[in-house]
Protein backbone atom coordinates (compact mmCIF):
# COMPACT_ATOMS: atom_id res chain seq x y z
CA UNK A 1 0.00 0.00 0.00
CA UNK A 2 1.31 3.47 -0.87
CA UNK A 3 1.19 5.08 2.56
CA UNK A 4 2.62 8.55 1.89
CA UNK A 5 -0.85 9.99 1.14
CA UNK A 6 -2.86 7.97 3.67
CA UNK A 7 -4.09 9.71 6.82
CA UNK A 8 -5.72 8.45 10.01
CA UNK A 9 -7.96 10.56 12.26
CA UNK A 10 -6.94 10.95 15.91
CA UNK A 11 -8.92 12.79 18.60
CA UNK A 12 -6.64 14.40 21.16
CA UNK A 13 -7.72 15.72 24.57
CA UNK A 14 -5.40 18.26 26.20
CA UNK A 15 -5.23 20.73 29.07
CA UNK A 16 -5.88 24.23 27.69
CA UNK A 17 -3.84 26.13 30.27
CA UNK A 18 -0.96 23.72 30.77
CA UNK A 19 -0.70 22.85 27.08
CA UNK A 20 -0.16 19.16 27.62
CA UNK A 21 -1.91 16.14 26.16
CA UNK A 22 -3.88 13.93 28.54
CA UNK A 23 -4.92 11.21 26.14
CA UNK A 24 -5.97 10.45 22.59
CA UNK A 25 -8.81 8.34 21.24
CA UNK A 26 -7.44 6.05 18.53
CA UNK A 27 -8.79 3.50 16.09
CA UNK A 28 -7.35 0.02 15.69
CA UNK A 29 -5.56 1.24 12.55
CA UNK A 30 -3.55 3.75 14.57
CA UNK A 31 -2.75 1.24 17.32
CA UNK A 32 -1.61 -1.28 14.69
CA UNK A 33 0.96 1.23 13.46
CA UNK A 34 2.01 2.13 17.00
CA UNK A 35 2.52 -1.55 17.85
CA UNK A 36 4.47 -2.09 14.62
CA UNK A 37 7.26 0.08 16.08
CA UNK A 38 8.20 -2.97 18.16
CA UNK A 39 8.92 -5.05 15.04
CA UNK A 40 11.36 -2.55 13.52
CA UNK A 41 15.07 -3.47 13.61
CA UNK A 42 17.12 -0.84 15.40
CA UNK A 43 19.12 -0.18 12.25
CA UNK A 44 15.89 0.57 10.39
CA UNK A 45 14.89 3.07 13.09
CA UNK A 46 18.24 4.87 12.81
CA UNK A 47 17.99 4.91 9.00
CA UNK A 48 14.40 6.20 8.95
CA UNK A 49 14.96 8.95 11.50
CA UNK A 50 18.24 10.06 9.93
CA UNK A 51 16.39 11.12 6.78
CA UNK A 52 13.30 12.51 8.50
CA UNK A 53 12.17 15.50 6.39
CA UNK A 54 11.51 17.68 9.44
CA UNK A 55 14.90 17.34 11.11
CA UNK A 56 18.14 19.00 10.04
CA UNK A 57 20.17 16.79 12.39
CA UNK A 58 19.38 13.11 13.00
CA UNK A 59 18.07 12.42 16.51
CA UNK A 60 20.58 10.58 18.68
CA UNK A 61 19.34 7.08 19.59
CA UNK A 62 21.74 6.02 22.34
CA UNK A 63 24.94 4.99 20.55
CA UNK A 64 23.23 3.33 17.60
CA UNK A 65 23.81 6.30 15.29
CA UNK A 66 27.56 5.92 15.81
CA UNK A 67 27.37 2.21 15.12
CA UNK A 68 25.38 2.77 11.92
CA UNK A 69 27.73 5.55 10.77
CA UNK A 70 30.76 3.36 11.48
CA UNK A 71 29.45 0.71 9.09
CA UNK A 72 28.72 3.32 6.43
CA UNK A 73 32.25 4.72 6.75
CA UNK A 74 34.05 1.36 6.86
CA UNK A 75 35.77 0.43 3.60
CA UNK A 76 34.24 -2.46 1.66
CA UNK A 77 37.54 -4.37 1.89
CA UNK A 78 36.84 -5.19 5.55
CA UNK A 79 33.59 -7.03 4.78
CA UNK A 80 33.34 -10.72 3.94
CA UNK A 81 31.29 -10.05 0.81
CA UNK A 82 29.87 -7.13 -1.12
CA UNK A 83 26.39 -7.82 0.24
CA UNK A 84 27.36 -7.68 3.93
CA UNK A 85 27.53 -3.90 4.18
CA UNK A 86 24.15 -3.58 2.46
CA UNK A 87 22.65 -6.13 4.87
CA UNK A 88 23.80 -4.11 7.89
CA UNK A 89 22.79 -0.69 6.56
CA UNK A 90 19.41 -1.83 5.19
CA UNK A 91 18.10 -4.16 7.86
CA UNK A 92 15.01 -6.26 7.16
CA UNK A 93 11.94 -6.63 9.36
CA UNK A 94 11.01 -10.27 9.96
CA UNK A 95 7.36 -9.10 10.22
CA UNK A 96 7.55 -7.20 6.93
CA UNK A 97 4.86 -9.22 5.15
CA UNK A 98 2.43 -8.61 8.02
CA UNK A 99 3.29 -4.90 8.17
CA UNK A 100 2.52 -4.49 4.47
CA UNK A 101 -1.15 -4.46 5.50
CA UNK A 102 -0.78 -1.47 7.84
CA UNK A 103 -2.64 1.66 6.80
CA UNK A 104 0.69 3.49 7.17
CA UNK A 105 3.84 1.38 6.99
CA UNK A 106 6.74 3.58 8.06
CA UNK A 107 9.36 1.09 6.87
CA UNK A 108 9.98 2.37 3.36
CA UNK A 109 12.02 -0.62 2.15
CA UNK A 110 9.80 -3.54 1.12
CA UNK A 111 11.31 -6.99 1.42
CA UNK A 112 12.59 -8.32 -1.88
CA UNK A 113 13.56 -11.85 -2.82
CA UNK A 114 16.14 -12.89 -5.40
CA UNK A 115 16.93 -16.20 -7.06
CA UNK A 116 19.78 -17.20 -9.35
CA UNK A 117 20.13 -15.16 -12.51
CA UNK A 118 20.31 -18.50 -14.31
CA UNK A 119 16.76 -19.91 -14.22
CA UNK A 120 18.07 -23.31 -15.32
CA UNK A 121 20.23 -23.46 -12.19
CA UNK A 122 17.18 -22.87 -10.00
CA UNK A 123 15.22 -25.44 -12.00
CA UNK A 124 17.72 -28.27 -11.89
CA UNK A 125 19.04 -27.82 -8.35
CA UNK A 126 17.67 -30.00 -5.57
CA UNK A 127 18.37 -27.16 -3.12
CA UNK A 128 17.83 -23.89 -5.03
CA UNK A 129 19.09 -20.71 -3.38
CA UNK A 130 17.40 -17.42 -2.63
CA UNK A 131 18.46 -14.16 -0.99
CA UNK A 132 16.87 -11.04 0.49
CA UNK A 133 19.58 -8.89 -1.09
CA UNK A 134 20.74 -8.64 -4.67
CA UNK A 135 24.29 -9.73 -5.41
CA UNK A 136 24.75 -12.69 -3.08
CA UNK A 137 26.57 -15.60 -4.73
CA UNK A 138 24.53 -18.69 -5.66
CA UNK A 139 25.95 -21.71 -3.82
CA UNK A 140 25.06 -24.03 -6.71
CA UNK A 141 26.64 -22.31 -9.71
CA UNK A 142 28.58 -19.33 -8.26
CA UNK A 143 26.55 -16.87 -10.34
CA UNK A 144 24.69 -14.00 -8.71
CA UNK A 145 21.31 -14.17 -7.00
CA UNK A 146 19.80 -11.12 -8.66
CA UNK A 147 16.65 -12.29 -10.45
CA UNK A 148 13.55 -10.90 -8.77
CA UNK A 149 11.23 -13.52 -7.29
CA UNK A 150 7.62 -12.89 -6.33
CA UNK A 151 6.52 -13.59 -2.80
CA UNK A 152 2.99 -14.86 -2.26
CA UNK A 153 1.82 -13.33 1.01
CA UNK A 154 -0.50 -15.65 2.88
CA UNK A 155 -2.29 -12.69 4.50
CA UNK A 156 -5.32 -11.52 2.56
CA UNK A 157 -4.98 -7.91 1.45
CA UNK A 158 -8.68 -7.33 2.23
CA UNK A 159 -8.39 -8.68 5.77
CA UNK A 160 -9.12 -5.97 8.32
CA UNK A 161 -6.75 -5.36 11.19
CA UNK A 162 -3.12 -6.35 11.55
CA UNK A 163 -2.27 -6.83 15.22
CA UNK A 164 -5.46 -5.72 16.99
CA UNK A 165 -9.11 -6.50 16.34
CA UNK A 166 -10.51 -3.93 13.87
CA UNK A 167 -13.73 -3.43 15.85
CA UNK A 168 -11.95 -2.03 18.89
CA UNK A 169 -10.97 1.53 19.75
CA UNK A 170 -8.37 2.56 22.30
CA UNK A 171 -7.25 5.35 24.59
CA UNK A 172 -3.56 6.29 24.46
CA UNK A 173 -1.93 8.26 27.27
CA UNK A 174 0.71 10.92 26.77
CA UNK A 175 3.43 8.39 27.66
CA UNK A 176 1.95 5.80 25.24
CA UNK A 177 0.07 3.39 27.44
CA UNK A 178 -2.59 1.79 25.21
CA UNK A 179 -5.87 1.04 27.01
CA UNK A 180 -9.24 -0.26 25.74
CA UNK A 181 -11.60 2.67 25.19
CA UNK A 182 -14.16 2.37 27.95
CA UNK A 183 -15.46 5.19 30.21
CA UNK A 184 -13.56 3.86 33.20
CA UNK A 185 -10.26 4.23 31.30
CA UNK A 186 -10.63 7.95 30.61
CA UNK A 187 -11.91 8.68 34.12
CA UNK A 188 -8.92 6.83 35.59
CA UNK A 189 -6.51 8.86 33.44
CA UNK A 190 -8.09 12.14 34.55
CA UNK A 191 -8.08 11.10 38.21
CA UNK A 192 -4.41 10.08 38.07
CA UNK A 193 -3.64 13.52 36.61
CA UNK A 194 -5.41 15.27 39.49
CA UNK A 195 -8.21 16.80 37.42
CA UNK A 196 -11.30 18.17 39.13
CA UNK A 197 -12.44 20.70 36.53
CA UNK A 198 -13.55 19.36 33.17
CA UNK A 199 -13.70 22.92 31.88
CA UNK A 200 -9.94 23.00 31.30
CA UNK A 201 -10.15 20.15 28.79
CA UNK A 202 -10.22 20.68 25.06
CA UNK A 203 -10.59 18.14 22.26
CA UNK A 204 -9.06 18.57 18.83
CA UNK A 205 -9.01 16.25 15.82
CA UNK A 206 -5.78 15.68 13.89
CA UNK A 207 -5.03 13.95 10.60
CA UNK A 208 -2.01 11.69 11.06
CA UNK A 209 0.13 10.70 8.08
CA UNK A 210 3.50 9.12 7.38
CA UNK A 211 5.58 12.07 8.62
CA UNK A 212 3.62 12.33 11.87
CA UNK A 213 4.11 8.62 12.56
CA UNK A 214 7.86 9.06 12.07
CA UNK A 215 7.64 11.88 14.61
CA UNK A 216 5.87 9.58 17.04
CA UNK A 217 8.50 6.86 16.56
CA UNK A 218 11.19 9.41 17.42
CA UNK A 219 9.34 10.75 20.46
CA UNK A 220 8.53 7.25 21.74
CA UNK A 221 12.27 6.77 22.25
CA UNK A 222 13.45 10.29 23.06
CA UNK A 223 10.63 11.96 24.99
CA UNK A 224 8.74 11.31 28.22
CA UNK A 225 5.67 13.05 26.74
CA UNK A 226 5.46 11.90 23.11
CA UNK A 227 1.90 13.04 22.35
CA UNK A 228 2.49 16.49 23.82
CA UNK A 229 5.64 16.78 21.73
CA UNK A 230 3.83 15.59 18.65
CA UNK A 231 0.81 17.92 18.81
CA UNK A 232 1.79 20.90 20.99
CA UNK A 233 5.53 21.19 20.36
CA UNK A 234 7.19 24.39 19.22
CA UNK A 235 9.77 24.43 16.43
CA UNK A 236 10.05 20.64 16.58
CA UNK A 237 12.02 20.93 19.85
CA UNK A 238 11.87 17.83 22.03
CA UNK A 239 10.49 18.75 25.44
CA UNK A 240 10.84 16.49 28.49
CA UNK A 241 13.52 14.54 26.68
CA UNK A 242 14.99 11.27 27.87
CA UNK A 243 18.53 11.84 29.12
CA UNK A 244 20.83 9.07 27.82
CA UNK A 245 21.68 6.92 30.82
CA UNK A 246 21.70 3.28 31.76
CA UNK A 247 20.74 1.61 34.99
CA UNK A 248 18.78 -1.47 33.97
CA UNK A 249 18.34 -5.00 35.16
CA UNK A 250 18.42 -7.46 32.29
CA UNK A 251 17.20 -10.94 31.43
CA UNK A 252 19.15 -13.62 29.59
CA UNK A 253 16.27 -16.07 29.16
CA UNK A 254 16.45 -18.10 25.96
CA UNK A 255 20.09 -17.29 25.20
CA UNK A 256 21.78 -20.67 25.13
CA UNK A 257 24.24 -20.61 22.26
CA UNK A 258 26.28 -17.45 22.80
CA UNK A 259 30.03 -18.11 22.81
CA UNK A 260 32.19 -16.05 25.14
CA UNK A 261 34.55 -13.50 23.60
CA UNK A 262 37.79 -12.06 24.96
CA UNK A 263 38.35 -8.33 24.50
CA UNK A 264 41.12 -5.95 25.57
CA UNK A 265 39.85 -2.68 27.03
CA UNK A 266 41.69 0.50 27.97
CA UNK A 267 40.37 1.75 31.32
CA UNK A 268 40.79 5.13 32.99
CA UNK A 269 42.10 4.17 36.42
CA UNK A 270 40.69 7.16 38.29
CA UNK A 271 37.09 6.83 37.05
CA UNK A 272 36.90 3.14 36.01
CA UNK A 273 35.49 4.35 32.70
CA UNK A 274 36.25 2.23 29.64
CA UNK A 275 37.86 4.51 27.08
CA UNK A 276 38.03 2.04 24.22
CA UNK A 277 38.22 -1.61 23.29
CA UNK A 278 40.93 -3.15 21.12
CA UNK A 279 39.50 -6.25 19.51
CA UNK A 280 39.25 -8.64 16.59
CA UNK A 281 36.43 -8.97 14.09
CA UNK A 282 34.29 -11.32 16.20
CA UNK A 283 33.43 -8.60 18.74
CA UNK A 284 32.77 -6.05 15.98
CA UNK A 285 30.59 -8.54 14.12
CA UNK A 286 28.61 -8.98 17.34
CA UNK A 287 28.21 -5.20 17.81
CA UNK A 288 27.15 -4.68 14.19
CA UNK A 289 24.44 -7.32 14.61
CA UNK A 290 22.68 -4.98 17.11
CA UNK A 291 21.25 -3.10 14.14
CA UNK A 292 19.32 -6.19 13.06
CA UNK A 293 17.63 -6.72 16.44
CA UNK A 294 13.99 -5.55 16.56
CA UNK A 295 13.13 -2.86 19.09
CA UNK A 296 10.60 -5.11 20.84
CA UNK A 297 13.26 -7.80 21.26
CA UNK A 298 15.58 -5.34 23.01
CA UNK A 299 12.79 -4.24 25.34
CA UNK A 300 11.95 -7.88 26.11
CA UNK A 301 15.48 -8.29 27.51
CA UNK A 302 14.85 -5.67 30.21
CA UNK A 303 13.62 -6.90 33.57
CA UNK A 304 10.05 -5.96 34.47
CA UNK A 305 11.44 -4.65 37.76
CA UNK A 306 12.81 -1.64 35.87
CA UNK A 307 10.90 1.61 35.85
CA UNK A 308 10.36 2.25 32.11
CA UNK A 309 13.05 4.64 30.86
CA UNK A 310 11.51 4.97 27.40
CA UNK A 311 7.86 5.43 26.47
CA UNK A 312 8.21 2.71 23.85
CA UNK A 313 8.48 0.33 26.81
CA UNK A 314 4.90 1.32 27.67
CA UNK A 315 3.83 0.26 24.17
CA UNK A 316 5.45 -3.12 24.78
CA UNK A 317 3.80 -3.45 28.19
CA UNK A 318 0.40 -2.52 26.73
CA UNK A 319 0.69 -5.23 24.08
CA UNK A 320 1.54 -7.75 26.79
CA UNK A 321 -1.55 -6.81 28.83
CA UNK A 322 -4.13 -6.92 26.01
CA UNK A 323 -6.02 -10.20 25.74
CA UNK A 324 -5.81 -12.37 22.63
CA UNK A 325 -9.21 -12.78 20.97
CA UNK A 326 -10.76 -9.77 22.65
CA UNK A 327 -8.23 -7.14 21.60
CA UNK A 328 -5.28 -8.85 19.86
CA UNK A 329 -5.93 -10.95 16.77
CA UNK A 330 -3.89 -14.03 17.69
CA UNK A 331 -1.18 -15.35 19.97
CA UNK A 332 1.16 -15.42 16.97
CA UNK A 333 0.65 -11.68 16.46
CA UNK A 334 1.16 -11.02 20.17
CA UNK A 335 4.44 -12.96 20.13
CA UNK A 336 5.45 -11.01 17.03
CA UNK A 337 5.21 -7.81 19.10
CA UNK A 338 6.58 -8.94 22.44
CA UNK A 339 9.51 -11.01 21.19
CA UNK A 340 9.94 -10.30 17.46
CA UNK A 341 12.30 -12.58 15.59
CA UNK A 342 15.40 -11.35 13.82
CA UNK A 343 15.55 -11.51 10.06
CA UNK A 344 16.87 -14.90 9.00
CA UNK A 345 19.97 -13.21 7.56
CA UNK A 346 21.33 -12.55 11.04
CA UNK A 347 21.47 -16.28 11.72
CA UNK A 348 24.91 -16.16 10.10
CA UNK A 349 26.38 -13.45 12.31
CA UNK A 350 27.84 -13.74 15.80
CA UNK A 351 24.65 -12.58 17.46
CA UNK A 352 22.70 -13.44 20.57
CA UNK A 353 19.62 -15.10 19.18
CA UNK A 354 20.85 -18.06 17.18
CA UNK A 355 18.00 -20.15 18.59
CA UNK A 356 15.39 -18.16 16.63
CA UNK A 357 13.28 -20.35 14.36
CA UNK A 358 12.66 -19.21 10.82
CA UNK A 359 9.83 -20.33 8.53
CA UNK A 360 10.76 -22.39 5.51
CA UNK A 361 10.23 -20.95 2.06
CA UNK A 362 9.16 -22.95 -0.98
CA UNK A 363 9.52 -22.02 -4.63
CA UNK A 364 7.88 -22.88 -7.91
CA UNK A 365 8.39 -21.42 -11.41
CA UNK A 366 5.91 -19.15 -13.14
CA UNK A 367 3.95 -20.59 -16.05
CA UNK A 368 6.43 -19.26 -18.63
CA UNK A 369 9.37 -19.89 -16.29
CA UNK A 370 10.31 -16.23 -16.29
CA UNK A 371 10.64 -15.98 -12.52
CA UNK A 372 10.01 -17.92 -9.32
CA UNK A 373 7.13 -17.69 -6.88
CA UNK A 374 8.13 -17.97 -3.21
CA UNK A 375 5.74 -18.86 -0.43
CA UNK A 376 5.71 -20.27 3.09
CA UNK A 377 3.28 -22.95 1.88
CA UNK A 378 4.45 -26.27 0.45
CA UNK A 379 2.60 -27.96 -2.37
CA UNK A 380 3.28 -30.69 -4.91
CA UNK A 381 4.85 -28.33 -7.46
CA UNK A 382 7.20 -26.47 -5.10
CA UNK A 383 10.61 -27.18 -3.60
CA UNK A 384 12.22 -25.92 -0.44
CA UNK A 385 14.44 -22.89 -1.07
CA UNK A 386 17.71 -22.45 0.84
CA UNK A 387 18.78 -19.04 2.09
CA UNK A 388 22.19 -18.21 0.64
CA UNK A 389 24.76 -17.36 3.28
CA UNK A 390 26.37 -14.01 2.37
CA UNK A 391 29.12 -14.42 4.95
CA UNK A 392 30.48 -17.88 4.18
CA UNK A 393 30.10 -18.85 7.87
CA UNK A 394 32.67 -16.20 8.80
CA UNK A 395 30.48 -13.36 9.99
CA UNK A 396 30.11 -9.99 8.32
CA UNK A 397 33.80 -9.04 8.63
CA UNK A 398 37.00 -10.66 7.48
CA UNK A 399 39.12 -12.18 10.23
CA UNK A 400 42.40 -10.46 9.43
CA UNK A 401 41.93 -7.03 10.99
CA UNK A 402 42.02 -5.37 14.41
CA UNK A 403 39.51 -2.68 15.35
CA UNK A 404 39.09 0.06 17.92
CA UNK A 405 35.71 0.70 19.57
CA UNK A 406 35.04 3.79 21.68
CA UNK A 407 32.71 3.83 24.68
CA UNK A 408 29.92 5.26 22.51
CA UNK A 409 30.42 2.62 19.77
CA UNK A 410 32.43 4.43 17.14
CA UNK A 411 34.22 1.62 15.29
CA UNK A 412 37.39 2.21 13.25
CA UNK A 413 40.32 0.08 12.07
CA UNK A 414 42.97 -0.01 14.80
CA UNK A 415 46.27 1.82 14.57
CA UNK A 416 48.55 2.78 17.45
CA UNK A 417 48.34 6.47 16.62
CA UNK A 418 44.55 6.48 16.36
CA UNK A 419 44.42 4.97 19.84
CA UNK A 420 46.85 7.54 21.27
CA UNK A 421 45.02 10.46 19.65
CA UNK A 422 41.66 9.29 20.95
CA UNK A 423 42.91 8.92 24.54
CA UNK A 424 44.48 12.35 24.25
CA UNK A 425 41.18 13.80 23.01
CA UNK A 426 39.50 12.40 26.14
CA UNK A 427 41.91 14.41 28.29
CA UNK A 428 43.27 11.29 29.98
CA UNK A 429 47.02 11.39 30.83
CA UNK A 430 49.09 8.27 30.04
CA UNK A 431 49.59 7.42 33.73
CA UNK A 432 45.81 7.31 34.31
CA UNK A 433 45.03 4.43 31.96
CA UNK A 434 45.71 0.72 31.85
CA UNK A 435 44.78 -2.24 29.68
CA UNK A 436 42.60 -5.03 31.04
CA UNK A 437 41.49 -8.26 29.40
CA UNK A 438 37.85 -9.22 29.96
CA UNK A 439 35.64 -12.12 28.93
CA UNK A 440 32.20 -11.28 27.56
CA UNK A 441 29.44 -13.82 28.14
CA UNK A 442 25.68 -13.82 27.55
CA UNK A 443 24.95 -11.46 30.47
CA UNK A 444 27.44 -8.86 29.27
CA UNK A 445 26.28 -9.26 25.66
CA UNK A 446 22.67 -8.51 26.58
CA UNK A 447 23.78 -5.60 28.75
CA UNK A 448 25.71 -4.10 25.82
CA UNK A 449 22.72 -4.56 23.52
CA UNK A 450 20.24 -2.85 25.84
CA UNK A 451 22.70 -0.08 26.74
CA UNK A 452 23.24 0.75 23.06
CA UNK A 453 19.62 1.95 22.84
CA UNK A 454 19.77 4.49 25.69
CA UNK A 455 23.39 5.19 26.60
CA UNK A 456 26.40 6.98 25.16
CA UNK A 457 28.72 5.03 27.48
CA UNK A 458 27.86 1.55 26.27
CA UNK A 459 31.12 -0.26 27.05
CA UNK A 460 31.34 1.23 30.53
CA UNK A 461 27.70 0.53 31.37
CA UNK A 462 27.66 -2.93 29.87
CA UNK A 463 31.00 -4.17 31.20
CA UNK A 464 31.72 -2.13 34.33
CA UNK A 465 31.21 -5.09 36.67
CA UNK A 466 34.13 -6.85 34.95
CA UNK A 467 36.61 -4.02 35.49
CA UNK A 468 39.13 -4.80 38.22
CA UNK A 469 38.78 -2.38 41.11
CA UNK A 470 42.52 -1.81 41.57
CA UNK A 471 44.87 -0.89 38.72
CA UNK A 472 47.48 -3.42 37.71
CA UNK A 473 50.36 -1.45 39.26
CA UNK A 474 48.60 -1.26 42.64
CA UNK A 475 47.94 -4.99 42.59
CA UNK A 476 51.62 -5.66 41.77
CA UNK A 477 52.88 -3.42 44.60
CA UNK A 478 50.53 -5.13 47.06
CA UNK A 479 51.71 -8.57 45.92
CA UNK A 480 55.39 -7.58 46.35
CA UNK A 481 54.71 -6.33 49.89
CA UNK A 482 53.01 -9.59 50.79
CA UNK A 483 55.88 -11.60 49.34
CA UNK A 484 58.35 -9.65 51.45
């Protein structure tokens, strides 16, 4: 659906004197789009907001902008294949086919499928290849997978509703709690806000389009009052912004296959702050894979004991509290929001969620054998298609280089002088730093992932519990005294 000209009506109730939104009345179409934020890979969010037509400077999403920019600036020679850089910069949503039925789909890159440029290869192979990106090498004949295939979406285009039942309407609070629209809901919101005079309330109807939904995506991450920012803001300035910080409890449920990594870090002795990491490609490959993780998956890794730091966490909580059948269309759709899967392409990288299960795809030729149809349904005329591995089982990066990573996830090839200049730029004297070697396991990996969304000190926040409390020289002096 072409969504750039589609608009959805939203009724907004706000306080006339205080100029703040109390709540909005929304249709299921609007809530579907709001919930779809959870399915977006973090790299997609950075890409979409970086080219937002209303902003001269891209909004800063934790340290993810730096990570994205590092990939864009990294020379192609460091990547395993020509497709790897494209995969990281143009992340795919595993719920893309479902989101195609949204009234406004803010992800502007539809999923494409490619088969071998040689149709005879696809025809004669027992395990024909396909790819989500053009230019991946066919494993059967070594030609390129660049012939467009047509995907048959099992969801009917005329089916109403995507995630929520189309007959329902909802109330959305300023901080993006989504509640069924019943009188008790609105009264409870007003009571919690301390209202005694209904005369200060004013209702206004807005037409919401693609640009406004991009605004709401931005504010759901960066503001504590997204609806007020969206409808009553001045000069697009973010009011009540979320200050980048990190103090979260995390969960490592379902992470069983992560292999520990060893990384050298340079630590400021006086503050215990990690200045940079000096590492091989496996750690960088892991960091780059953050961009492929859906926003809802990151939020699912945060303990429920945490006070929500971002309003998008309230969207996630709302989806978890709505009942299947009454408000949500199915358990499958609910799971798609609460714990969205990664795109199958990230199965090949050194990422956290290798236990994700991906649906099989089956292919069959068109009548004139001009192209292939792909579908998740098997029938007598189709064969299972095999996803081509763009990395050759090596990850996104070649294994011959060393890299430097700053605390806020700027990644560059390592040189001694670049390291010295960076430490100097931090104002840290040589005698106030030391190298430590740390081992990163599943707990630290999840902590780094969640910190990347909200913090500009990702390495320090994610790994601080591994930093030795006493510098190496102090430990050596103490040992010598004991020996004597």
